[in-house]
Full PDB file with SEQRES, HELIX, SHEET, SSBOND, CRYST1, ORIGX, SCALE, CONECT and MASTER records, all heavy atoms in Angstrom:
SEQRES   1 A   41  ALA LEU SER ALA PHE TYR SER PRO LEU PHE ASN ASP PRO          
SEQRES   2 A   41  ARG ALA THR ILE ALA LEU SER ALA ALA ILE GLY PHE TRP          
SEQRES   3 A   41  ALA ILE GLY SER THR ILE SER SER TRP ASN SER PHE MET          
SEQRES   4 A   41  ASP PHE                                                      
HELIX    1 AA1 LEU A    2  PHE A    5  1                                   4    
HELIX    2 AA2 PRO A   13  PHE A   38  1                                  26    
CRYST1    1.000    1.000    1.000  90.00  90.00  90.00 P 1           1          
ORIGX1      1.000000  0.000000  0.000000        0.00000                         
ORIGX2      0.000000  1.000000  0.000000        0.00000                         
ORIGX3      0.000000  0.000000  1.000000        0.00000                         
SCALE1      1.000000  0.000000  0.000000        0.00000                         
SCALE2      0.000000  1.000000  0.000000        0.00000                         
SCALE3      0.000000  0.000000  1.000000        0.00000                         
ATOM      1  N   ALA A   1      88.275 102.451  98.193  1.00  0.00           N  
ATOM      2  CA  ALA A   1      89.666 102.552  98.651  1.00  0.00           C  
ATOM      3  C   ALA A   1      90.278 101.161  98.807  1.00  0.00           C  
ATOM      4  O   ALA A   1      91.441 100.917  98.431  1.00  0.00           O  
ATOM      5  CB  ALA A   1      89.730 103.315  99.975  1.00  0.00           C  
ATOM      6  N   LEU A   2      89.492 100.226  99.344  1.00  0.00           N  
ATOM      7  CA  LEU A   2      89.972  98.851  99.521  1.00  0.00           C  
ATOM      8  C   LEU A   2      90.205  98.180  98.171  1.00  0.00           C  
ATOM      9  O   LEU A   2      91.172  97.429  97.995  1.00  0.00           O  
ATOM     10  CB  LEU A   2      88.953  98.058 100.333  1.00  0.00           C  
ATOM     11  CG  LEU A   2      89.428  96.722 100.925  1.00  0.00           C  
ATOM     12  CD1 LEU A   2      90.558  96.945 101.913  1.00  0.00           C  
ATOM     13  CD2 LEU A   2      88.269  95.992 101.587  1.00  0.00           C  
ATOM     14  N   SER A   3      89.347  98.446  97.207  1.00  0.00           N  
ATOM     15  CA  SER A   3      89.515  97.893  95.864  1.00  0.00           C  
ATOM     16  C   SER A   3      90.824  98.373  95.236  1.00  0.00           C  
ATOM     17  O   SER A   3      91.551  97.594  94.615  1.00  0.00           O  
ATOM     18  CB  SER A   3      88.339  98.293  94.983  1.00  0.00           C  
ATOM     19  OG  SER A   3      88.531  97.898  93.651  1.00  0.00           O  
ATOM     20  N   ALA A   4      91.133  99.661  95.411  1.00  0.00           N  
ATOM     21  CA  ALA A   4      92.394 100.198  94.882  1.00  0.00           C  
ATOM     22  C   ALA A   4      93.595  99.560  95.575  1.00  0.00           C  
ATOM     23  O   ALA A   4      94.595  99.236  94.931  1.00  0.00           O  
ATOM     24  CB  ALA A   4      92.424 101.718  95.051  1.00  0.00           C  
ATOM     25  N   PHE A   5      93.478  99.362  96.869  1.00  0.00           N  
ATOM     26  CA  PHE A   5      94.603  98.817  97.645  1.00  0.00           C  
ATOM     27  C   PHE A   5      94.926  97.386  97.226  1.00  0.00           C  
ATOM     28  O   PHE A   5      96.085  96.982  97.189  1.00  0.00           O  
ATOM     29  CB  PHE A   5      94.283  98.871  99.141  1.00  0.00           C  
ATOM     30  CG  PHE A   5      95.413  98.434 100.013  1.00  0.00           C  
ATOM     31  CD1 PHE A   5      96.475  99.280 100.262  1.00  0.00           C  
ATOM     32  CD2 PHE A   5      95.427  97.172 100.577  1.00  0.00           C  
ATOM     33  CE1 PHE A   5      97.536  98.886 101.067  1.00  0.00           C  
ATOM     34  CE2 PHE A   5      96.478  96.755 101.389  1.00  0.00           C  
ATOM     35  CZ  PHE A   5      97.538  97.621 101.637  1.00  0.00           C  
ATOM     36  N   TYR A   6      93.923  96.589  96.910  1.00  0.00           N  
ATOM     37  CA  TYR A   6      94.130  95.188  96.551  1.00  0.00           C  
ATOM     38  C   TYR A   6      94.156  94.960  95.043  1.00  0.00           C  
ATOM     39  O   TYR A   6      93.938  93.842  94.587  1.00  0.00           O  
ATOM     40  CB  TYR A   6      93.046  94.319  97.187  1.00  0.00           C  
ATOM     41  CG  TYR A   6      93.275  94.079  98.656  1.00  0.00           C  
ATOM     42  CD1 TYR A   6      92.507  94.755  99.610  1.00  0.00           C  
ATOM     43  CD2 TYR A   6      94.256  93.214  99.097  1.00  0.00           C  
ATOM     44  CE1 TYR A   6      92.724  94.551 100.971  1.00  0.00           C  
ATOM     45  CE2 TYR A   6      94.475  93.004 100.447  1.00  0.00           C  
ATOM     46  CZ  TYR A   6      93.710  93.678 101.378  1.00  0.00           C  
ATOM     47  OH  TYR A   6      93.929  93.476 102.714  1.00  0.00           O  
ATOM     48  N   SER A   7      94.443  96.001  94.271  1.00  0.00           N  
ATOM     49  CA  SER A   7      94.534  95.848  92.823  1.00  0.00           C  
ATOM     50  C   SER A   7      95.730  94.976  92.454  1.00  0.00           C  
ATOM     51  O   SER A   7      96.609  94.737  93.280  1.00  0.00           O  
ATOM     52  CB  SER A   7      94.640  97.224  92.167  1.00  0.00           C  
ATOM     53  OG  SER A   7      95.753  97.929  92.684  1.00  0.00           O  
ATOM     54  N   PRO A   8      95.796  94.474  91.211  1.00  0.00           N  
ATOM     55  CA  PRO A   8      96.802  93.464  90.832  1.00  0.00           C  
ATOM     56  C   PRO A   8      98.247  93.890  91.070  1.00  0.00           C  
ATOM     57  O   PRO A   8      98.572  95.079  91.148  1.00  0.00           O  
ATOM     58  CB  PRO A   8      96.537  93.259  89.339  1.00  0.00           C  
ATOM     59  CG  PRO A   8      95.119  93.632  89.147  1.00  0.00           C  
ATOM     60  CD  PRO A   8      94.864  94.751  90.114  1.00  0.00           C  
ATOM     61  N   LEU A   9      99.123  92.879  91.126  1.00  0.00           N  
ATOM     62  CA  LEU A   9     100.530  93.096  91.449  1.00  0.00           C  
ATOM     63  C   LEU A   9     101.299  93.787  90.321  1.00  0.00           C  
ATOM     64  O   LEU A   9     102.422  94.222  90.545  1.00  0.00           O  
ATOM     65  CB  LEU A   9     101.202  91.759  91.772  1.00  0.00           C  
ATOM     66  CG  LEU A   9     100.709  91.055  93.040  1.00  0.00           C  
ATOM     67  CD1 LEU A   9     101.397  89.709  93.197  1.00  0.00           C  
ATOM     68  CD2 LEU A   9     100.968  91.918  94.268  1.00  0.00           C  
ATOM     69  N   PHE A  10     100.701  93.870  89.101  1.00  0.00           N  
ATOM     70  CA  PHE A  10     101.444  94.546  88.032  1.00  0.00           C  
ATOM     71  C   PHE A  10     101.514  96.051  88.269  1.00  0.00           C  
ATOM     72  O   PHE A  10     102.243  96.765  87.594  1.00  0.00           O  
ATOM     73  CB  PHE A  10     100.852  94.248  86.646  1.00  0.00           C  
ATOM     74  CG  PHE A  10      99.419  94.654  86.453  1.00  0.00           C  
ATOM     75  CD1 PHE A  10      99.039  95.989  86.404  1.00  0.00           C  
ATOM     76  CD2 PHE A  10      98.433  93.690  86.302  1.00  0.00           C  
ATOM     77  CE1 PHE A  10      97.720  96.351  86.222  1.00  0.00           C  
ATOM     78  CE2 PHE A  10      97.108  94.041  86.096  1.00  0.00           C  
ATOM     79  CZ  PHE A  10      96.752  95.380  86.057  1.00  0.00           C  
ATOM     80  N   ASN A  11     100.757  96.553  89.231  1.00  0.00           N  
ATOM     81  CA  ASN A  11     100.821  97.981  89.559  1.00  0.00           C  
ATOM     82  C   ASN A  11     102.073  98.300  90.361  1.00  0.00           C  
ATOM     83  O   ASN A  11     102.626  97.450  91.052  1.00  0.00           O  
ATOM     84  CB  ASN A  11      99.598  98.386  90.391  1.00  0.00           C  
ATOM     85  CG  ASN A  11      98.328  98.417  89.573  1.00  0.00           C  
ATOM     86  OD1 ASN A  11      98.232  99.174  88.626  1.00  0.00           O  
ATOM     87  ND2 ASN A  11      97.375  97.577  89.923  1.00  0.00           N  
ATOM     88  N   ASP A  12     102.501  99.545  90.245  1.00  0.00           N  
ATOM     89  CA  ASP A  12     103.510 100.055  91.163  1.00  0.00           C  
ATOM     90  C   ASP A  12     102.862 100.125  92.550  1.00  0.00           C  
ATOM     91  O   ASP A  12     101.804 100.740  92.705  1.00  0.00           O  
ATOM     92  CB  ASP A  12     103.947 101.451  90.703  1.00  0.00           C  
ATOM     93  CG  ASP A  12     104.934 102.106  91.659  1.00  0.00           C  
ATOM     94  OD1 ASP A  12     105.345 101.454  92.625  1.00  0.00           O  
ATOM     95  OD2 ASP A  12     105.272 103.270  91.423  1.00  0.00           O  
ATOM     96  N   PRO A  13     103.443  99.494  93.571  1.00  0.00           N  
ATOM     97  CA  PRO A  13     102.829  99.507  94.908  1.00  0.00           C  
ATOM     98  C   PRO A  13     102.560 100.909  95.427  1.00  0.00           C  
ATOM     99  O   PRO A  13     101.585 101.132  96.149  1.00  0.00           O  
ATOM    100  CB  PRO A  13     103.858  98.783  95.776  1.00  0.00           C  
ATOM    101  CG  PRO A  13     104.649  97.940  94.831  1.00  0.00           C  
ATOM    102  CD  PRO A  13     104.685  98.706  93.548  1.00  0.00           C  
ATOM    103  N   ARG A  14     103.398 101.857  95.049  1.00  0.00           N  
ATOM    104  CA  ARG A  14     103.222 103.228  95.539  1.00  0.00           C  
ATOM    105  C   ARG A  14     101.995 103.877  94.912  1.00  0.00           C  
ATOM    106  O   ARG A  14     101.346 104.724  95.523  1.00  0.00           O  
ATOM    107  CB  ARG A  14     104.477 104.038  95.258  1.00  0.00           C  
ATOM    108  CG  ARG A  14     105.682 103.527  96.038  1.00  0.00           C  
ATOM    109  CD  ARG A  14     106.996 103.975  95.409  1.00  0.00           C  
ATOM    110  NE  ARG A  14     108.115 103.319  96.059  1.00  0.00           N  
ATOM    111  CZ  ARG A  14     108.566 102.096  95.742  1.00  0.00           C  
ATOM    112  NH1 ARG A  14     107.976 101.413  94.777  1.00  0.00           N  
ATOM    113  NH2 ARG A  14     109.587 101.554  96.363  1.00  0.00           N  
ATOM    114  N   ALA A  15     101.682 103.480  93.681  1.00  0.00           N  
ATOM    115  CA  ALA A  15     100.472 104.007  93.041  1.00  0.00           C  
ATOM    116  C   ALA A  15      99.227 103.499  93.758  1.00  0.00           C  
ATOM    117  O   ALA A  15      98.299 104.267  94.028  1.00  0.00           O  
ATOM    118  CB  ALA A  15     100.441 103.604  91.568  1.00  0.00           C  
ATOM    119  N   THR A  16      99.200 102.204  94.080  1.00  0.00           N  
ATOM    120  CA  THR A  16      98.023 101.642  94.758  1.00  0.00           C  
ATOM    121  C   THR A  16      97.869 102.226  96.154  1.00  0.00           C  
ATOM    122  O   THR A  16      96.752 102.538  96.578  1.00  0.00           O  
ATOM    123  CB  THR A  16      98.140 100.112  94.848  1.00  0.00           C  
ATOM    124  OG1 THR A  16      99.315  99.755  95.578  1.00  0.00           O  
ATOM    125  CG2 THR A  16      98.231  99.487  93.474  1.00  0.00           C  
ATOM    126  N   ILE A  17      98.985 102.394  96.867  1.00  0.00           N  
ATOM    127  CA  ILE A  17      98.919 102.956  98.218  1.00  0.00           C  
ATOM    128  C   ILE A  17      98.436 104.410  98.170  1.00  0.00           C  
ATOM    129  O   ILE A  17      97.578 104.824  98.947  1.00  0.00           O  
ATOM    130  CB  ILE A  17     100.288 102.854  98.918  1.00  0.00           C  
ATOM    131  CG1 ILE A  17     100.625 101.381  99.195  1.00  0.00           C  
ATOM    132  CG2 ILE A  17     100.295 103.659 100.217  1.00  0.00           C  
ATOM    133  CD1 ILE A  17     102.037 101.177  99.715  1.00  0.00           C  
ATOM    134  N   ALA A  18      98.993 105.187  97.225  1.00  0.00           N  
ATOM    135  CA  ALA A  18      98.625 106.607  97.142  1.00  0.00           C  
ATOM    136  C   ALA A  18      97.163 106.780  96.758  1.00  0.00           C  
ATOM    137  O   ALA A  18      96.430 107.565  97.376  1.00  0.00           O  
ATOM    138  CB  ALA A  18      99.531 107.316  96.130  1.00  0.00           C  
ATOM    139  N   LEU A  19      96.707 106.039  95.747  1.00  0.00           N  
ATOM    140  CA  LEU A  19      95.319 106.189  95.314  1.00  0.00           C  
ATOM    141  C   LEU A  19      94.337 105.661  96.351  1.00  0.00           C  
ATOM    142  O   LEU A  19      93.294 106.282  96.597  1.00  0.00           O  
ATOM    143  CB  LEU A  19      95.107 105.467  93.980  1.00  0.00           C  
ATOM    144  CG  LEU A  19      95.748 106.134  92.759  1.00  0.00           C  
ATOM    145  CD1 LEU A  19      95.523 105.309  91.507  1.00  0.00           C  
ATOM    146  CD2 LEU A  19      95.192 107.541  92.551  1.00  0.00           C  
ATOM    147  N   SER A  20      94.667 104.523  96.980  1.00  0.00           N  
ATOM    148  CA  SER A  20      93.764 104.000  98.015  1.00  0.00           C  
ATOM    149  C   SER A  20      93.737 104.930  99.224  1.00  0.00           C  
ATOM    150  O   SER A  20      92.676 105.149  99.825  1.00  0.00           O  
ATOM    151  CB  SER A  20      94.192 102.589  98.435  1.00  0.00           C  
ATOM    152  OG  SER A  20      95.502 102.576  98.963  1.00  0.00           O  
ATOM    153  N   ALA A  21      94.899 105.515  99.582  1.00  0.00           N  
ATOM    154  CA  ALA A  21      94.935 106.468 100.699  1.00  0.00           C  
ATOM    155  C   ALA A  21      94.150 107.732 100.362  1.00  0.00           C  
ATOM    156  O   ALA A  21      93.442 108.285 101.210  1.00  0.00           O  
ATOM    157  CB  ALA A  21      96.377 106.822 101.042  1.00  0.00           C  
ATOM    158  N   ALA A  22      94.261 108.199  99.111  1.00  0.00           N  
ATOM    159  CA  ALA A  22      93.513 109.389  98.696  1.00  0.00           C  
ATOM    160  C   ALA A  22      92.011 109.158  98.835  1.00  0.00           C  
ATOM    161  O   ALA A  22      91.291 109.979  99.416  1.00  0.00           O  
ATOM    162  CB  ALA A  22      93.865 109.742  97.251  1.00  0.00           C  
ATOM    163  N   ILE A  23      91.546 108.028  98.305  1.00  0.00           N  
ATOM    164  CA  ILE A  23      90.112 107.715  98.402  1.00  0.00           C  
ATOM    165  C   ILE A  23      89.715 107.515  99.862  1.00  0.00           C  
ATOM    166  O   ILE A  23      88.636 107.955 100.301  1.00  0.00           O  
ATOM    167  CB  ILE A  23      89.794 106.457  97.570  1.00  0.00           C  
ATOM    168  CG1 ILE A  23      90.099 106.716  96.091  1.00  0.00           C  
ATOM    169  CG2 ILE A  23      88.325 106.057  97.744  1.00  0.00           C  
ATOM    170  CD1 ILE A  23      89.993 105.481  95.212  1.00  0.00           C  
ATOM    171  N   GLY A  24      90.602 106.879 100.632  1.00  0.00           N  
ATOM    172  CA  GLY A  24      90.319 106.659 102.048  1.00  0.00           C  
ATOM    173  C   GLY A  24      90.185 107.954 102.823  1.00  0.00           C  
ATOM    174  O   GLY A  24      89.269 108.103 103.647  1.00  0.00           O  
ATOM    175  N   PHE A  25      91.076 108.915 102.576  1.00  0.00           N  
ATOM    176  CA  PHE A  25      90.986 110.196 103.276  1.00  0.00           C  
ATOM    177  C   PHE A  25      89.723 110.957 102.864  1.00  0.00           C  
ATOM    178  O   PHE A  25      89.095 111.624 103.690  1.00  0.00           O  
ATOM    179  CB  PHE A  25      92.232 111.041 103.011  1.00  0.00           C  
ATOM    180  CG  PHE A  25      93.359 110.758 103.955  1.00  0.00           C  
ATOM    181  CD1 PHE A  25      94.534 110.164 103.508  1.00  0.00           C  
ATOM    182  CD2 PHE A  25      93.261 111.077 105.306  1.00  0.00           C  
ATOM    183  CE1 PHE A  25      95.571 109.890 104.382  1.00  0.00           C  
ATOM    184  CE2 PHE A  25      94.300 110.817 106.184  1.00  0.00           C  
ATOM    185  CZ  PHE A  25      95.456 110.210 105.722  1.00  0.00           C  
ATOM    186  N   TRP A  26      89.364 110.855 101.572  1.00  0.00           N  
ATOM    187  CA  TRP A  26      88.118 111.511 101.163  1.00  0.00           C  
ATOM    188  C   TRP A  26      86.931 110.872 101.900  1.00  0.00           C  
ATOM    189  O   TRP A  26      86.018 111.574 102.344  1.00  0.00           O  
ATOM    190  CB  TRP A  26      87.921 111.377  99.658  1.00  0.00           C  
ATOM    191  CG  TRP A  26      86.750 112.182  99.172  1.00  0.00           C  
ATOM    192  CD1 TRP A  26      86.756 113.463  98.726  1.00  0.00           C  
ATOM    193  CD2 TRP A  26      85.375 111.750  99.139  1.00  0.00           C  
ATOM    194  NE1 TRP A  26      85.479 113.875  98.405  1.00  0.00           N  
ATOM    195  CE2 TRP A  26      84.609 112.844  98.647  1.00  0.00           C  
ATOM    196  CE3 TRP A  26      84.720 110.574  99.470  1.00  0.00           C  
ATOM    197  CZ2 TRP A  26      83.234 112.768  98.490  1.00  0.00           C  
ATOM    198  CZ3 TRP A  26      83.340 110.499  99.319  1.00  0.00           C  
ATOM    199  CH2 TRP A  26      82.610 111.581  98.823  1.00  0.00           C  
ATOM    200  N   ALA A  27      86.950 109.545 102.033  1.00  0.00           N  
ATOM    201  CA  ALA A  27      85.874 108.842 102.740  1.00  0.00           C  
ATOM    202  C   ALA A  27      85.829 109.257 104.212  1.00  0.00           C  
ATOM    203  O   ALA A  27      84.743 109.395 104.795  1.00  0.00           O  
ATOM    204  CB  ALA A  27      86.069 107.331 102.614  1.00  0.00           C  
ATOM    205  N   ILE A  28      86.998 109.474 104.807  1.00  0.00           N  
ATOM    206  CA  ILE A  28      87.042 109.931 106.207  1.00  0.00           C  
ATOM    207  C   ILE A  28      86.401 111.315 106.326  1.00  0.00           C  
ATOM    208  O   ILE A  28      85.586 111.578 107.215  1.00  0.00           O  
ATOM    209  CB  ILE A  28      88.493 109.953 106.722  1.00  0.00           C  
ATOM    210  CG1 ILE A  28      89.019 108.520 106.862  1.00  0.00           C  
ATOM    211  CG2 ILE A  28      88.588 110.693 108.061  1.00  0.00           C  
ATOM    212  CD1 ILE A  28      90.506 108.441 107.165  1.00  0.00           C  
ATOM    213  N   GLY A  29      86.785 112.225 105.409  1.00  0.00           N  
ATOM    214  CA  GLY A  29      86.188 113.565 105.430  1.00  0.00           C  
ATOM    215  C   GLY A  29      84.694 113.525 105.231  1.00  0.00           C  
ATOM    216  O   GLY A  29      83.938 114.247 105.903  1.00  0.00           O  
ATOM    217  N   SER A  30      84.238 112.671 104.312  1.00  0.00           N  
ATOM    218  CA  SER A  30      82.798 112.540 104.062  1.00  0.00           C  
ATOM    219  C   SER A  30      82.076 111.977 105.281  1.00  0.00           C  
ATOM    220  O   SER A  30      80.976 112.436 105.626  1.00  0.00           O  
ATOM    221  CB  SER A  30      82.576 111.629 102.855  1.00  0.00           C  
ATOM    222  OG  SER A  30      81.216 111.361 102.661  1.00  0.00           O  
ATOM    223  N   THR A  31      82.699 110.991 105.935  1.00  0.00           N  
ATOM    224  CA  THR A  31      82.081 110.389 107.123  1.00  0.00           C  
ATOM    225  C   THR A  31      81.933 111.404 108.251  1.00  0.00           C  
ATOM    226  O   THR A  31      80.888 111.491 108.907  1.00  0.00           O  
ATOM    227  CB  THR A  31      82.915 109.184 107.599  1.00  0.00           C  
ATOM    228  OG1 THR A  31      83.028 108.235 106.528  1.00  0.00           O  
ATOM    229  CG2 THR A  31      82.276 108.519 108.809  1.00  0.00           C  
ATOM    230  N   ILE A  32      82.982 112.203 108.460  1.00  0.00           N  
ATOM    231  CA  ILE A  32      82.922 113.221 109.517  1.00  0.00           C  
ATOM    232  C   ILE A  32      81.841 114.248 109.204  1.00  0.00           C  
ATOM    233  O   ILE A  32      81.055 114.658 110.078  1.00  0.00           O  
ATOM    234  CB  ILE A  32      84.294 113.905 109.683  1.00  0.00           C  
ATOM    235  CG1 ILE A  32      85.340 112.890 110.169  1.00  0.00           C  
ATOM    236  CG2 ILE A  32      84.209 115.080 110.658  1.00  0.00           C  
ATOM    237  CD1 ILE A  32      86.754 113.431 110.173  1.00  0.00           C  
ATOM    238  N   SER A  33      81.786 114.671 107.926  1.00  0.00           N  
ATOM    239  CA  SER A  33      80.785 115.657 107.525  1.00  0.00           C  
ATOM    240  C   SER A  33      79.368 115.101 107.710  1.00  0.00           C  
ATOM    241  O   SER A  33      78.476 115.796 108.219  1.00  0.00           O  
ATOM    242  CB  SER A  33      81.013 116.051 106.063  1.00  0.00           C  
ATOM    243  OG  SER A  33      80.033 116.963 105.634  1.00  0.00           O  
ATOM    244  N   SER A  34      79.170 113.824 107.304  1.00  0.00           N  
ATOM    245  CA  SER A  34      77.845 113.203 107.462  1.00  0.00           C  
ATOM    246  C   SER A  34      77.497 113.033 108.935  1.00  0.00           C  
ATOM    247  O   SER A  34      76.345 113.254 109.349  1.00  0.00           O  
ATOM    248  CB  SER A  34      77.825 111.843 106.763  1.00  0.00           C  
ATOM    249  OG  SER A  34      78.126 111.968 105.391  1.00  0.00           O  
ATOM    250  N   TRP A  35      78.471 112.637 109.730  1.00  0.00           N  
ATOM    251  CA  TRP A  35      78.248 112.458 111.180  1.00  0.00           C  
ATOM    252  C   TRP A  35      77.778 113.765 111.815  1.00  0.00           C  
ATOM    253  O   TRP A  35      76.821 113.790 112.596  1.00  0.00           O  
ATOM    254  CB  TRP A  35      79.540 111.966 111.835  1.00  0.00           C  
ATOM    255  CG  TRP A  35      79.444 111.829 113.329  1.00  0.00           C  
ATOM    256  CD1 TRP A  35      79.597 112.817 114.266  1.00  0.00           C  
ATOM    257  CD2 TRP A  35      79.166 110.634 114.061  1.00  0.00           C  
ATOM    258  NE1 TRP A  35      79.440 112.325 115.525  1.00  0.00           N  
ATOM    259  CE2 TRP A  35      79.170 110.975 115.431  1.00  0.00           C  
ATOM    260  CE3 TRP A  35      78.912 109.318 113.704  1.00  0.00           C  
ATOM    261  CZ2 TRP A  35      78.944 110.043 116.434  1.00  0.00           C  
ATOM    262  CZ3 TRP A  35      78.682 108.387 114.697  1.00  0.00           C  
ATOM    263  CH2 TRP A  35      78.688 108.757 116.052  1.00  0.00           C  
ATOM    264  N   ASN A  36      78.471 114.834 111.496  1.00  0.00           N  
ATOM    265  CA  ASN A  36      78.118 116.130 112.078  1.00  0.00           C  
ATOM    266  C   ASN A  36      76.743 116.618 111.623  1.00  0.00           C  
ATOM    267  O   ASN A  36      76.112 117.440 112.295  1.00  0.00           O  
ATOM    268  CB  ASN A  36      79.182 117.176 111.717  1.00  0.00           C  
ATOM    269  CG  ASN A  36      80.476 116.943 112.462  1.00  0.00           C  
ATOM    270  OD1 ASN A  36      80.517 116.216 113.463  1.00  0.00           O  
ATOM    271  ND2 ASN A  36      81.567 117.536 111.975  1.00  0.00           N  
ATOM    272  N   SER A  37      76.266 116.111 110.477  1.00  0.00           N  
ATOM    273  CA  SER A  37      74.939 116.499 109.992  1.00  0.00           C  
ATOM    274  C   SER A  37      73.821 115.757 110.706  1.00  0.00           C  
ATOM    275  O   SER A  37      72.689 116.250 110.776  1.00  0.00           O  
ATOM    276  CB  SER A  37      74.839 116.234 108.479  1.00  0.00           C  
ATOM    277  OG  SER A  37      75.784 117.001 107.774  1.00  0.00           O  
ATOM    278  N   PHE A  38      74.138 114.564 111.247  1.00  0.00           N  
ATOM    279  CA  PHE A  38      73.104 113.734 111.878  1.00  0.00           C  
ATOM    280  C   PHE A  38      73.181 113.730 113.408  1.00  0.00           C  
ATOM    281  O   PHE A  38      72.160 113.634 114.083  1.00  0.00           O  
ATOM    282  CB  PHE A  38      73.211 112.286 111.384  1.00  0.00           C  
ATOM    283  CG  PHE A  38      72.657 112.070 110.007  1.00  0.00           C  
ATOM    284  CD1 PHE A  38      73.508 111.886 108.933  1.00  0.00           C  
ATOM    285  CD2 PHE A  38      71.291 112.053 109.780  1.00  0.00           C  
ATOM    286  CE1 PHE A  38      73.016 111.668 107.660  1.00  0.00           C  
ATOM    287  CE2 PHE A  38      70.787 111.838 108.503  1.00  0.00           C  
ATOM    288  CZ  PHE A  38      71.654 111.655 107.437  1.00  0.00           C  
ATOM    289  N   MET A  39      74.388 113.818 113.944  1.00  0.00           N  
ATOM    290  CA  MET A  39      74.585 113.574 115.371  1.00  0.00           C  
ATOM    291  C   MET A  39      74.722 114.864 116.169  1.00  0.00           C  
ATOM    292  O   MET A  39      75.232 115.876 115.663  1.00  0.00           O  
ATOM    293  CB  MET A  39      75.830 112.703 115.576  1.00  0.00           C  
ATOM    294  CG  MET A  39      75.769 111.373 114.841  1.00  0.00           C  
ATOM    295  SD  MET A  39      74.385 110.359 115.416  1.00  0.00           S  
ATOM    296  CE  MET A  39      74.616 108.881 114.419  1.00  0.00           C  
ATOM    297  N   ASP A  40      74.304 114.791 117.416  1.00  0.00           N  
ATOM    298  CA  ASP A  40      74.459 115.928 118.317  1.00  0.00           C  
ATOM    299  C   ASP A  40      75.914 116.089 118.732  1.00  0.00           C  
ATOM    300  O   ASP A  40      76.409 117.221 118.882  1.00  0.00           O  
ATOM    301  CB  ASP A  40      73.584 115.735 119.561  1.00  0.00           C  
ATOM    302  CG  ASP A  40      72.094 115.776 119.213  1.00  0.00           C  
ATOM    303  OD1 ASP A  40      71.748 116.467 118.238  1.00  0.00           O  
ATOM    304  OD2 ASP A  40      71.312 115.102 119.909  1.00  0.00           O  
ATOM    305  N   PHE A  41      76.592 114.943 118.949  1.00  0.00           N  
ATOM    306  CA  PHE A  41      78.014 115.003 119.289  1.00  0.00           C  
ATOM    307  C   PHE A  41      78.810 115.327 118.021  1.00  0.00           C  
ATOM    308  O   PHE A  41      78.832 114.568 117.066  1.00  0.00           O  
ATOM    309  CB  PHE A  41      78.478 113.668 119.874  1.00  0.00           C  
ATOM    310  CG  PHE A  41      79.965 113.611 120.122  1.00  0.00           C  
ATOM    311  CD1 PHE A  41      80.549 114.289 121.171  1.00  0.00           C  
ATOM    312  CD2 PHE A  41      80.783 112.876 119.265  1.00  0.00           C  
ATOM    313  CE1 PHE A  41      81.918 114.244 121.381  1.00  0.00           C  
ATOM    314  CE2 PHE A  41      82.147 112.818 119.463  1.00  0.00           C  
ATOM    315  CZ  PHE A  41      82.712 113.504 120.525  1.00  0.00           C  
TER     316      PHE A  41                                                      
MASTER        0    0    0    2    0    0    0    6  315    1    0    4          
END                                                                             
């Protein structure tokens, strides 16, 4: 997600924000799912 966010300036800024946010939200969902698989809380 960070790599997408800091991609070159020739990109449309909205494309980089949308794609980095999409990957970021997927990472958040994955983190929560993994947390619930390992942790009691």
